[in-house]
């Protein structure tokens, strides 16, 4: 009798839908003796589909490069033949390359391309298992150069992969020992479980391919994610739960057209807004109208809908420091639209070079800081305290840079210092799905819905500026908790 059959009577199977699966994990066995093993391609990251034959003809040369080999082998439902071709290509494209060079290449590929294919559903499952105290493992039949950057971004400590042989830090192009393919993955998990004292009969595996059948059969909680046909049939026969994650699609022609219309709407709306209030000769009223008409026109043209929770917290108390998690360039459209006037912002100096956002942000009074110079950044923030005391709120991302995952990065303390000095509260603005409609390194917007939760104001008047670490981290945890337990929208 297999491990899954042994464990079947110990606790219920994982349900097929994400919300129920999360609830089951939370009510199931807790602690580090339980492993949550995630296959990489097709489960954590949406693989790069095999192109049609006419495109493959023109991509053969690229496939022989190291980048082509590493990127092209990340597939959903990787087959025996495709994996064999990957190993063959590796003997040519990876041989004689230093490990350090391939580490840098893997990082570049993740930051340029792979990050956009991470499944938000997988991120939520990973964070739920983490909250349950489970031991997280990312596994792949590929190399560490492809998987380690994603593991680091997702906060997964343990990574199992096919090792590549080296001589004095230079790859030979061949695998070092047994590959983690089919039974190789299952053996690797068994060995890892034995070495770390894990209870494999109470552990979880998420995988997508029939080649991963031995791996899925190892544990008590096998889950087929986006299964290929053969695995889908097997999962049904074994009564294993099946979960479907929405595939990450590249921009379509309609997305480009809507984005162009969105930028046109932004400029037209901004000009119209300024003109409607120009008779007042009050820059603040013109700035508020610019943001209202400009952001509204952009959202309508791009087909982006906002679904808001806690809208009353955007209106009172004022002034305040609004803190938003940063995932996309469209955050500068979303946040002003949600906060509806009476707000300016703090942005990085590089935005002044943006031909569209730069002039508009200068007009509405955004304070630009040079993040590479700490002394100058602090000096630039000093007038923001006076801005708050004069009654104008501030919106700022405490992360300082956009995230590569749906998660929330470390918070900088500058915004909290400003709020303490100005005597105003901080109000968390939690954004979900912005990275879906607009990938981090892209200007192209996809049609969709962005959820925004405006949480209750936080009184920071009694905080000691010299002892903020724990309190700032507690605020960051609010964002993670909200992303994992999203409240019901107002509208």
Protein backbone atom coordinates (compact mmCIF):
# COMPACT_ATOMS: atom_id res chain seq x y z
CA UNK A 1 0.00 0.00 0.00
CA UNK A 2 1.42 3.42 -1.02
CA UNK A 3 2.03 6.35 1.26
CA UNK A 4 -1.08 8.16 0.02
CA UNK A 5 -3.30 5.21 0.91
CA UNK A 6 -1.70 4.88 4.34
CA UNK A 7 -2.33 8.50 5.14
CA UNK A 8 -5.84 8.66 3.68
CA UNK A 9 -7.53 7.81 6.98
CA UNK A 10 -5.33 10.17 9.03
CA UNK A 11 -6.68 13.44 7.63
CA UNK A 12 -8.91 14.51 4.73
CA UNK A 13 -7.60 15.03 1.22
CA UNK A 14 -6.81 18.50 -0.08
CA UNK A 15 -9.89 19.92 -1.84
CA UNK A 16 -9.63 20.92 -5.46
CA UNK A 17 -10.37 24.66 -5.18
CA UNK A 18 -7.76 27.04 -3.78
CA UNK A 19 -9.82 28.54 -0.93
CA UNK A 20 -10.81 25.12 0.40
CA UNK A 21 -7.25 23.84 -0.02
CA UNK A 22 -5.92 26.73 2.06
CA UNK A 23 -8.51 26.03 4.78
CA UNK A 24 -7.61 22.32 4.79
CA UNK A 25 -3.89 23.05 5.17
CA UNK A 26 -4.59 25.37 8.08
CA UNK A 27 -6.70 22.75 9.85
CA UNK A 28 -4.35 19.88 9.00
CA UNK A 29 -1.12 18.73 10.66
CA UNK A 30 1.23 21.54 11.61
CA UNK A 31 4.97 21.78 12.23
CA UNK A 32 8.32 21.30 10.46
CA UNK A 33 8.05 17.51 10.36
CA UNK A 34 5.54 17.98 7.53
CA UNK A 35 7.02 18.81 4.11
CA UNK A 36 5.37 20.76 1.30
CA UNK A 37 7.17 19.85 -1.93
CA UNK A 38 6.48 21.93 -5.03
CA UNK A 39 7.58 20.91 -8.50
CA UNK A 40 8.97 23.90 -10.43
CA UNK A 41 7.91 24.01 -14.08
CA UNK A 42 4.14 23.85 -14.56
CA UNK A 43 3.37 24.01 -10.84
CA UNK A 44 5.13 27.04 -9.36
CA UNK A 45 5.93 28.70 -12.67
CA UNK A 46 3.87 28.57 -15.83
CA UNK A 47 6.16 26.86 -18.32
CA UNK A 48 7.13 28.27 -21.66
CA UNK A 49 4.97 26.41 -24.14
CA UNK A 50 6.60 24.58 -27.02
CA UNK A 51 6.27 26.93 -30.02
CA UNK A 52 4.78 25.80 -33.35
CA UNK A 53 7.14 24.19 -35.85
CA UNK A 54 7.48 27.30 -38.01
CA UNK A 55 8.76 29.29 -35.03
CA UNK A 56 11.04 26.48 -33.87
CA UNK A 57 12.89 26.69 -37.19
CA UNK A 58 13.94 30.24 -36.38
CA UNK A 59 14.74 29.47 -32.74
CA UNK A 60 17.14 26.58 -33.20
CA UNK A 61 20.18 28.80 -32.99
CA UNK A 62 18.84 30.48 -29.84
CA UNK A 63 18.17 27.11 -28.25
CA UNK A 64 21.88 26.34 -28.52
CA UNK A 65 22.78 29.31 -26.35
CA UNK A 66 22.95 28.96 -22.57
CA UNK A 67 19.99 31.31 -22.14
CA UNK A 68 17.94 29.40 -24.73
CA UNK A 69 18.71 26.09 -23.05
CA UNK A 70 17.87 27.30 -19.54
CA UNK A 71 14.70 29.15 -20.49
CA UNK A 72 13.38 26.77 -23.15
CA UNK A 73 13.47 23.72 -20.86
CA UNK A 74 11.07 25.25 -18.31
CA UNK A 75 7.87 23.62 -19.54
CA UNK A 76 4.50 22.41 -18.34
CA UNK A 77 4.22 18.62 -18.52
CA UNK A 78 7.85 18.15 -19.56
CA UNK A 79 8.09 14.89 -21.52
CA UNK A 80 10.86 12.29 -21.66
CA UNK A 81 11.84 13.49 -25.12
CA UNK A 82 11.96 17.15 -24.12
CA UNK A 83 14.03 16.37 -21.05
CA UNK A 84 16.41 14.28 -23.14
CA UNK A 85 16.82 17.19 -25.56
CA UNK A 86 17.54 19.50 -22.64
CA UNK A 87 20.35 17.24 -21.42
CA UNK A 88 21.72 17.01 -24.95
CA UNK A 89 21.63 20.79 -25.44
CA UNK A 90 23.29 21.25 -22.04
CA UNK A 91 26.35 19.30 -23.21
CA UNK A 92 26.89 21.98 -25.87
CA UNK A 93 25.59 25.25 -24.43
CA UNK A 94 26.58 24.89 -20.76
CA UNK A 95 29.92 23.15 -21.16
CA UNK A 96 33.05 25.20 -20.39
CA UNK A 97 31.02 27.93 -18.68
CA UNK A 98 31.93 29.00 -15.13
CA UNK A 99 29.31 28.37 -12.46
CA UNK A 100 29.41 32.04 -11.46
CA UNK A 101 28.54 33.10 -15.01
CA UNK A 102 25.53 30.76 -15.14
CA UNK A 103 24.38 31.92 -11.70
CA UNK A 104 24.30 35.49 -13.01
CA UNK A 105 22.53 34.36 -16.18
CA UNK A 106 19.89 32.51 -14.16
CA UNK A 107 19.27 35.61 -12.06
CA UNK A 108 18.92 37.77 -15.16
CA UNK A 109 16.48 35.33 -16.76
CA UNK A 110 14.36 35.31 -13.63
CA UNK A 111 14.26 39.09 -13.31
CA UNK A 112 13.58 39.66 -17.01
CA UNK A 113 11.19 36.85 -17.87
CA UNK A 114 10.53 34.00 -15.45
CA UNK A 115 9.12 36.11 -12.59
CA UNK A 116 6.14 37.08 -14.76
CA UNK A 117 5.16 33.42 -15.08
CA UNK A 118 5.00 32.66 -11.35
CA UNK A 119 1.56 31.41 -10.37
CA UNK A 120 -0.03 33.61 -7.66
CA UNK A 121 -1.99 30.52 -6.61
CA UNK A 122 1.27 28.67 -5.93
CA UNK A 123 2.53 31.67 -3.95
CA UNK A 124 -0.57 31.53 -1.74
CA UNK A 125 -0.16 27.80 -1.13
CA UNK A 126 3.53 28.29 -0.31
CA UNK A 127 2.75 31.03 2.20
CA UNK A 128 -0.05 28.94 3.74
CA UNK A 129 2.28 26.00 4.23
CA UNK A 130 4.87 28.37 5.68
CA UNK A 131 2.33 29.70 8.17
CA UNK A 132 1.58 26.10 9.17
CA UNK A 133 5.27 25.68 9.99
CA UNK A 134 5.83 23.15 7.21
CA UNK A 135 9.23 22.52 5.64
CA UNK A 136 9.14 24.05 2.14
CA UNK A 137 10.93 22.31 -0.73
CA UNK A 138 11.20 23.30 -4.39
CA UNK A 139 12.17 20.46 -6.70
CA UNK A 140 13.08 20.23 -10.38
CA UNK A 141 14.75 17.92 -12.87
CA UNK A 142 16.51 21.01 -14.23
CA UNK A 143 19.54 22.86 -12.87
CA UNK A 144 20.00 25.14 -9.91
CA UNK A 145 20.66 28.06 -12.26
CA UNK A 146 17.02 27.94 -13.34
CA UNK A 147 15.35 27.30 -10.01
CA UNK A 148 17.38 29.00 -7.26
CA UNK A 149 16.46 32.62 -8.16
CA UNK A 150 12.76 31.71 -8.00
CA UNK A 151 13.26 29.85 -4.71
CA UNK A 152 14.96 32.90 -3.20
CA UNK A 153 12.17 35.23 -4.36
CA UNK A 154 9.55 32.86 -2.95
CA UNK A 155 11.34 32.39 0.37
CA UNK A 156 11.90 28.64 -0.09
CA UNK A 157 15.02 27.49 1.70
CA UNK A 158 15.37 23.93 0.40
CA UNK A 159 15.92 23.28 -3.30
CA UNK A 160 16.44 19.88 -4.95
CA UNK A 161 17.73 19.80 -8.54
CA UNK A 162 19.85 17.89 -11.02
CA UNK A 163 23.45 18.65 -10.24
CA UNK A 164 25.82 19.48 -13.08
CA UNK A 165 29.39 18.18 -13.03
CA UNK A 166 32.16 20.76 -12.72
CA UNK A 167 35.91 20.89 -12.95
CA UNK A 168 37.46 23.70 -10.94
CA UNK A 169 34.21 25.67 -11.03
CA UNK A 170 33.62 25.17 -14.77
CA UNK A 171 30.76 23.01 -16.07
CA UNK A 172 31.49 19.93 -18.13
CA UNK A 173 27.98 19.99 -19.63
CA UNK A 174 27.01 16.65 -18.08
CA UNK A 175 24.91 15.74 -15.05
CA UNK A 176 26.74 14.90 -11.84
CA UNK A 177 25.26 11.54 -10.91
CA UNK A 178 21.59 10.64 -11.17
CA UNK A 179 19.21 13.15 -12.68
CA UNK A 180 16.06 14.15 -10.79
CA UNK A 181 13.78 12.74 -13.46
CA UNK A 182 10.90 10.34 -12.74
CA UNK A 183 12.16 8.03 -9.95
CA UNK A 184 15.09 10.38 -9.37
CA UNK A 185 12.74 13.00 -7.91
CA UNK A 186 11.02 10.46 -5.69
CA UNK A 187 14.37 9.16 -4.41
CA UNK A 188 15.59 12.70 -3.74
CA UNK A 189 12.50 13.48 -1.62
CA UNK A 190 12.85 10.22 0.31
CA UNK A 191 16.49 10.99 1.05
CA UNK A 192 15.68 14.58 2.03
CA UNK A 193 12.88 13.42 4.32
CA UNK A 194 15.15 10.89 6.02
CA UNK A 195 17.94 13.43 6.49
CA UNK A 196 15.61 16.04 7.99
CA UNK A 197 13.39 13.79 10.07
CA UNK A 198 10.23 14.48 8.06
CA UNK A 199 7.04 12.45 8.21
CA UNK A 200 6.58 11.64 4.55
CA UNK A 201 3.14 10.06 5.10
CA UNK A 202 1.83 13.42 6.35
CA UNK A 203 3.57 15.53 3.71
CA UNK A 204 2.40 17.19 0.50
CA UNK A 205 3.57 17.15 -3.11
CA UNK A 206 2.30 19.42 -5.88
CA UNK A 207 3.24 18.41 -9.45
CA UNK A 208 1.89 18.60 -13.00
CA UNK A 209 3.33 15.81 -15.16
CA UNK A 210 2.88 12.06 -15.51
CA UNK A 211 6.68 11.95 -15.22
CA UNK A 212 6.15 13.06 -11.61
CA UNK A 213 3.94 10.08 -10.76
CA UNK A 214 6.66 8.41 -8.65
CA UNK A 215 7.11 11.69 -6.75
CA UNK A 216 3.39 12.13 -6.12
CA UNK A 217 3.10 8.53 -4.92
CA UNK A 218 5.71 9.08 -2.21
CA UNK A 219 3.63 11.26 0.12
CA UNK A 220 0.32 11.20 1.93
CA UNK A 221 -0.99 14.33 0.22
CA UNK A 222 -0.39 14.19 -3.56
CA UNK A 223 -1.98 17.06 -5.52
CA UNK A 224 -2.03 17.21 -9.32
CA UNK A 225 -1.64 20.82 -10.47
CA UNK A 226 -2.48 21.67 -14.08
CA UNK A 227 -2.01 17.97 -14.88
CA UNK A 228 -1.24 16.70 -18.34
CA UNK A 229 -3.74 14.24 -19.77
CA UNK A 230 -2.11 11.08 -18.44
CA UNK A 231 -1.63 12.48 -14.95
CA UNK A 232 -5.21 13.75 -14.96
CA UNK A 233 -6.48 10.25 -15.69
CA UNK A 234 -4.25 8.74 -13.02
CA UNK A 235 -5.27 11.36 -10.44
CA UNK A 236 -8.93 10.59 -11.10
CA UNK A 237 -8.29 6.83 -10.69
CA UNK A 238 -6.37 7.41 -7.45
CA UNK A 239 -8.90 9.98 -6.17
CA UNK A 240 -6.17 12.57 -5.90
CA UNK A 241 -7.27 16.21 -5.86
CA UNK A 242 -6.62 18.22 -9.01
CA UNK A 243 -6.04 21.97 -8.99
CA UNK A 244 -6.02 24.25 -12.03
CA UNK A 245 -3.98 27.45 -11.93
CA UNK A 246 -4.75 30.13 -14.48
CA UNK A 247 -2.04 30.25 -17.16
CA UNK A 248 0.08 33.38 -17.52
CA UNK A 249 -0.49 34.75 -20.99
CA UNK A 250 1.89 37.02 -22.92
CA UNK A 251 0.42 40.38 -23.98
CA UNK A 252 -2.03 40.15 -26.85
CA UNK A 253 -2.47 42.79 -29.58
CA UNK A 254 -5.59 44.03 -27.79
CA UNK A 255 -3.51 44.58 -24.62
CA UNK A 256 -1.10 46.81 -26.54
CA UNK A 257 -3.98 48.77 -28.05
CA UNK A 258 -5.67 49.23 -24.68
CA UNK A 259 -2.39 50.34 -23.11
CA UNK A 260 -1.83 52.94 -25.82
CA UNK A 261 -5.41 54.12 -25.31
CA UNK A 262 -4.77 54.20 -21.57
CA UNK A 263 -1.76 56.50 -21.87
CA UNK A 264 -3.67 58.71 -24.29
CA UNK A 265 -6.52 58.81 -21.80
CA UNK A 266 -4.12 59.67 -19.00
CA UNK A 267 -2.73 62.67 -20.85
CA UNK A 268 -6.12 63.82 -22.13
CA UNK A 269 -7.74 63.36 -18.73
CA UNK A 270 -4.90 65.17 -16.99
CA UNK A 271 -5.18 68.16 -19.32
CA UNK A 272 -8.97 68.20 -18.99
CA UNK A 273 -8.75 68.01 -15.21
CA UNK A 274 -6.34 70.94 -15.01
CA UNK A 275 -8.52 73.02 -17.33
CA UNK A 276 -11.66 72.37 -15.28
CA UNK A 277 -9.99 73.90 -12.21
CA UNK A 278 -7.72 76.44 -13.87
CA UNK A 279 -10.17 79.24 -13.09
CA UNK A 280 -9.47 78.73 -9.37
CA UNK A 281 -5.75 79.40 -9.89
CA UNK A 282 -5.16 76.92 -7.07
CA UNK A 283 -2.51 74.36 -7.94
CA UNK A 284 -3.82 71.81 -5.43
CA UNK A 285 -7.30 71.76 -6.91
CA UNK A 286 -5.86 71.44 -10.40
CA UNK A 287 -3.58 68.63 -9.24
CA UNK A 288 -6.49 66.73 -7.66
CA UNK A 289 -8.56 67.12 -10.82
CA UNK A 290 -5.58 65.98 -12.92
CA UNK A 291 -5.32 62.78 -10.89
CA UNK A 292 -9.06 62.12 -10.81
CA UNK A 293 -9.71 62.56 -14.54
CA UNK A 294 -6.36 61.17 -15.68
CA UNK A 295 -6.43 57.97 -13.62
CA UNK A 296 -10.13 57.41 -14.28
CA UNK A 297 -9.65 57.68 -18.04
CA UNK A 298 -6.67 55.34 -17.92
CA UNK A 299 -8.51 52.65 -15.97
CA UNK A 300 -11.51 52.80 -18.29
CA UNK A 301 -9.40 52.64 -21.45
CA UNK A 302 -7.31 49.70 -20.22
CA UNK A 303 -10.31 47.76 -18.92
CA UNK A 304 -8.97 47.65 -15.36
CA UNK A 305 -11.57 47.57 -12.61
CA UNK A 306 -10.85 48.36 -8.97
CA UNK A 307 -12.58 46.38 -6.23
CA UNK A 308 -12.17 48.23 -2.95
CA UNK A 309 -12.40 47.21 0.69
CA UNK A 310 -12.32 49.75 3.52
CA UNK A 311 -12.93 52.80 1.33
CA UNK A 312 -13.92 54.84 4.41
CA UNK A 313 -10.32 54.65 5.64
CA UNK A 314 -9.20 56.55 2.51
CA UNK A 315 -11.24 59.58 3.57
CA UNK A 316 -10.51 59.81 7.28
CA UNK A 317 -8.41 60.56 9.14
CA UNK A 318 -6.62 63.11 6.98
CA UNK A 319 -3.80 63.99 6.64
CA UNK A 320 -2.08 60.62 6.83
CA UNK A 321 0.78 58.62 5.39
CA UNK A 322 -0.71 55.98 3.07
CA UNK A 323 1.58 52.99 2.64
CA UNK A 324 1.04 50.77 -0.41
CA UNK A 325 2.74 47.54 -1.47
CA UNK A 326 4.41 48.01 -4.83
CA UNK A 327 4.04 45.49 -7.66
CA UNK A 328 3.60 47.34 -10.93
CA UNK A 329 4.08 50.63 -12.71
CA UNK A 330 0.28 50.99 -12.73
CA UNK A 331 0.35 51.49 -8.96
CA UNK A 332 0.83 55.20 -9.73
CA UNK A 333 -2.58 55.06 -11.45
CA UNK A 334 -4.33 52.82 -8.92
CA UNK A 335 -3.32 54.55 -5.68
CA UNK A 336 -4.32 58.14 -6.61
CA UNK A 337 -7.63 56.90 -7.99
CA UNK A 338 -8.44 55.01 -4.78
CA UNK A 339 -7.41 57.85 -2.45
CA UNK A 340 -9.41 60.44 -4.44
CA UNK A 341 -7.50 63.67 -3.97
CA UNK A 342 -5.71 65.51 -1.23
CA UNK A 343 -2.66 63.29 -1.66
CA UNK A 344 0.78 63.63 -3.14
CA UNK A 345 3.60 61.11 -3.10
CA UNK A 346 7.23 60.16 -2.74
CA UNK A 347 8.94 58.53 -5.71
CA UNK A 348 12.36 57.45 -6.87
CA UNK A 349 14.44 59.97 -8.79
CA UNK A 350 14.46 57.75 -11.89
CA UNK A 351 10.77 58.49 -12.46
CA UNK A 352 11.63 62.06 -13.43
CA UNK A 353 13.00 60.62 -16.69
CA UNK A 354 9.68 58.96 -17.57
CA UNK A 355 8.20 61.07 -20.39
CA UNK A 356 4.61 60.50 -19.21
CA UNK A 357 4.67 59.96 -15.45
CA UNK A 358 7.56 62.34 -14.73
CA UNK A 359 5.89 65.65 -15.70
CA UNK A 360 2.54 64.63 -14.21
CA UNK A 361 4.10 63.59 -10.91
CA UNK A 362 6.04 66.85 -10.71
CA UNK A 363 2.83 68.82 -11.25
CA UNK A 364 1.03 67.08 -8.37
CA UNK A 365 3.96 67.78 -6.05
CA UNK A 366 5.65 64.39 -5.74
CA UNK A 367 8.91 64.48 -3.80
CA UNK A 368 11.66 62.62 -5.66
CA UNK A 369 14.51 60.98 -3.77
CA UNK A 370 17.82 59.51 -4.82
CA UNK A 371 17.85 56.06 -3.25
CA UNK A 372 21.55 55.63 -4.01
CA UNK A 373 22.44 58.49 -1.66
CA UNK A 374 21.06 58.00 1.85
CA UNK A 375 22.09 61.46 3.07
CA UNK A 376 20.42 63.25 0.17
CA UNK A 377 17.33 61.04 0.46
CA UNK A 378 16.86 61.97 4.11
CA UNK A 379 17.33 65.66 3.32
CA UNK A 380 14.76 65.44 0.53
CA UNK A 381 12.21 63.90 2.89
CA UNK A 382 12.45 66.71 5.46
CA UNK A 383 9.96 69.02 3.65
CA UNK A 384 7.43 66.15 3.50
CA UNK A 385 6.82 66.59 7.23
CA UNK A 386 5.75 70.18 6.59
CA UNK A 387 3.54 68.98 3.71
CA UNK A 388 1.70 66.68 6.11
CA UNK A 389 1.39 69.36 8.79
CA UNK A 390 -0.13 71.66 6.17
CA UNK A 391 -2.93 69.12 5.62
CA UNK A 392 -1.82 67.23 2.50
CA UNK A 393 -1.51 63.44 2.76
CA UNK A 394 1.39 61.40 1.39
CA UNK A 395 1.35 58.05 -0.45
CA UNK A 396 4.55 56.01 -0.44
CA UNK A 397 5.73 52.45 -0.93
CA UNK A 398 7.74 51.36 2.14
CA UNK A 399 9.31 48.55 0.09
CA UNK A 400 11.08 51.14 -2.04
CA UNK A 401 10.96 48.95 -5.16
CA UNK A 402 8.50 46.70 -6.98
CA UNK A 403 8.19 43.09 -5.88
CA UNK A 404 8.88 40.13 -8.17
CA UNK A 405 6.19 38.04 -6.44
CA UNK A 406 2.74 38.70 -4.96
CA UNK A 407 4.50 38.94 -1.60
CA UNK A 408 5.73 41.96 0.31
CA UNK A 409 9.42 42.82 0.63
CA UNK A 410 11.22 44.35 3.62
CA UNK A 411 9.93 47.76 4.69
CA UNK A 412 12.12 50.83 4.91
CA UNK A 413 11.49 53.02 7.95
CA UNK A 414 11.56 56.46 6.32
CA UNK A 415 7.78 56.75 5.93
CA UNK A 416 7.27 55.83 9.58
CA UNK A 417 9.76 58.46 10.74
CA UNK A 418 7.88 61.04 8.67
CA UNK A 419 4.52 60.06 10.20
CA UNK A 420 5.92 60.22 13.74
CA UNK A 421 7.48 63.65 13.18
CA UNK A 422 4.33 65.04 11.54
CA UNK A 423 2.04 63.57 14.17
CA UNK A 424 -0.19 61.73 11.64
CA UNK A 425 -1.28 58.08 11.39
CA UNK A 426 -0.11 55.57 8.82
CA UNK A 427 -2.79 53.80 6.78
CA UNK A 428 -1.92 50.53 5.00
CA UNK A 429 -3.15 50.22 1.41
CA UNK A 430 -2.88 46.57 0.34
CA UNK A 431 -2.97 45.92 -3.41
CA UNK A 432 -3.65 42.49 -4.88
CA UNK A 433 -3.40 41.47 -8.56
CA UNK A 434 -1.62 44.62 -9.80
CA UNK A 435 1.33 42.46 -10.80
CA UNK A 436 -1.10 40.35 -12.82
CA UNK A 437 -2.50 43.16 -14.94
CA UNK A 438 0.90 44.80 -15.37
CA UNK A 439 4.08 42.76 -14.93
CA UNK A 440 6.83 44.38 -12.92
CA UNK A 441 9.15 45.24 -15.81
CA UNK A 442 6.47 45.94 -18.39
CA UNK A 443 4.43 48.95 -19.44
CA UNK A 444 1.72 46.79 -21.03
CA UNK A 445 -1.53 46.51 -19.06
CA UNK A 446 -3.93 43.59 -19.29
CA UNK A 447 -7.65 43.85 -18.77
CA UNK A 448 -8.71 42.64 -15.32
CA UNK A 449 -9.65 43.40 -11.74
CA UNK A 450 -7.32 44.76 -9.06
CA UNK A 451 -8.31 44.35 -5.42
CA UNK A 452 -7.42 47.13 -2.98
CA UNK A 453 -7.91 46.89 0.80
CA UNK A 454 -7.48 50.07 2.83
CA UNK A 455 -6.88 48.97 6.42
CA UNK A 456 -7.62 50.81 9.64
CA UNK A 457 -5.36 53.77 10.56
CA UNK A 458 -2.41 52.99 12.81
CA UNK A 459 -1.55 55.53 15.50
CA UNK A 460 2.24 55.93 15.60
CA UNK A 461 2.34 58.92 17.96
CA UNK A 462 3.72 56.83 20.81
CA UNK A 463 6.36 55.03 18.76
CA UNK A 464 10.01 55.55 19.61
CA UNK A 465 11.86 56.59 16.41
CA UNK A 466 14.96 54.79 17.68
CA UNK A 467 13.19 51.45 18.14
CA UNK A 468 11.02 50.79 15.11
CA UNK A 469 12.13 47.41 13.83
CA UNK A 470 9.52 45.23 15.56
CA UNK A 471 6.65 47.66 14.98
CA UNK A 472 7.48 48.13 11.29
CA UNK A 473 7.70 44.37 10.82
CA UNK A 474 4.30 43.99 12.51
CA UNK A 475 2.84 46.42 9.94
CA UNK A 476 4.44 44.43 7.11
CA UNK A 477 2.83 41.30 8.52
CA UNK A 478 -0.56 43.00 8.19
CA UNK A 479 -0.01 43.10 4.43
CA UNK A 480 0.89 39.42 4.24
CA UNK A 481 -2.05 38.44 6.45
CA UNK A 482 -4.42 40.50 4.29
CA UNK A 483 -3.08 38.97 1.06
CA UNK A 484 -3.67 35.49 2.48
CA UNK A 485 -7.06 36.32 4.07
CA UNK A 486 -8.62 38.85 1.74
CA UNK A 487 -11.59 40.74 3.20
CA UNK A 488 -14.92 41.13 1.42
CA UNK A 489 -15.02 44.15 -0.94
CA UNK A 490 -17.20 47.22 -0.36
CA UNK A 491 -18.26 47.30 -3.98
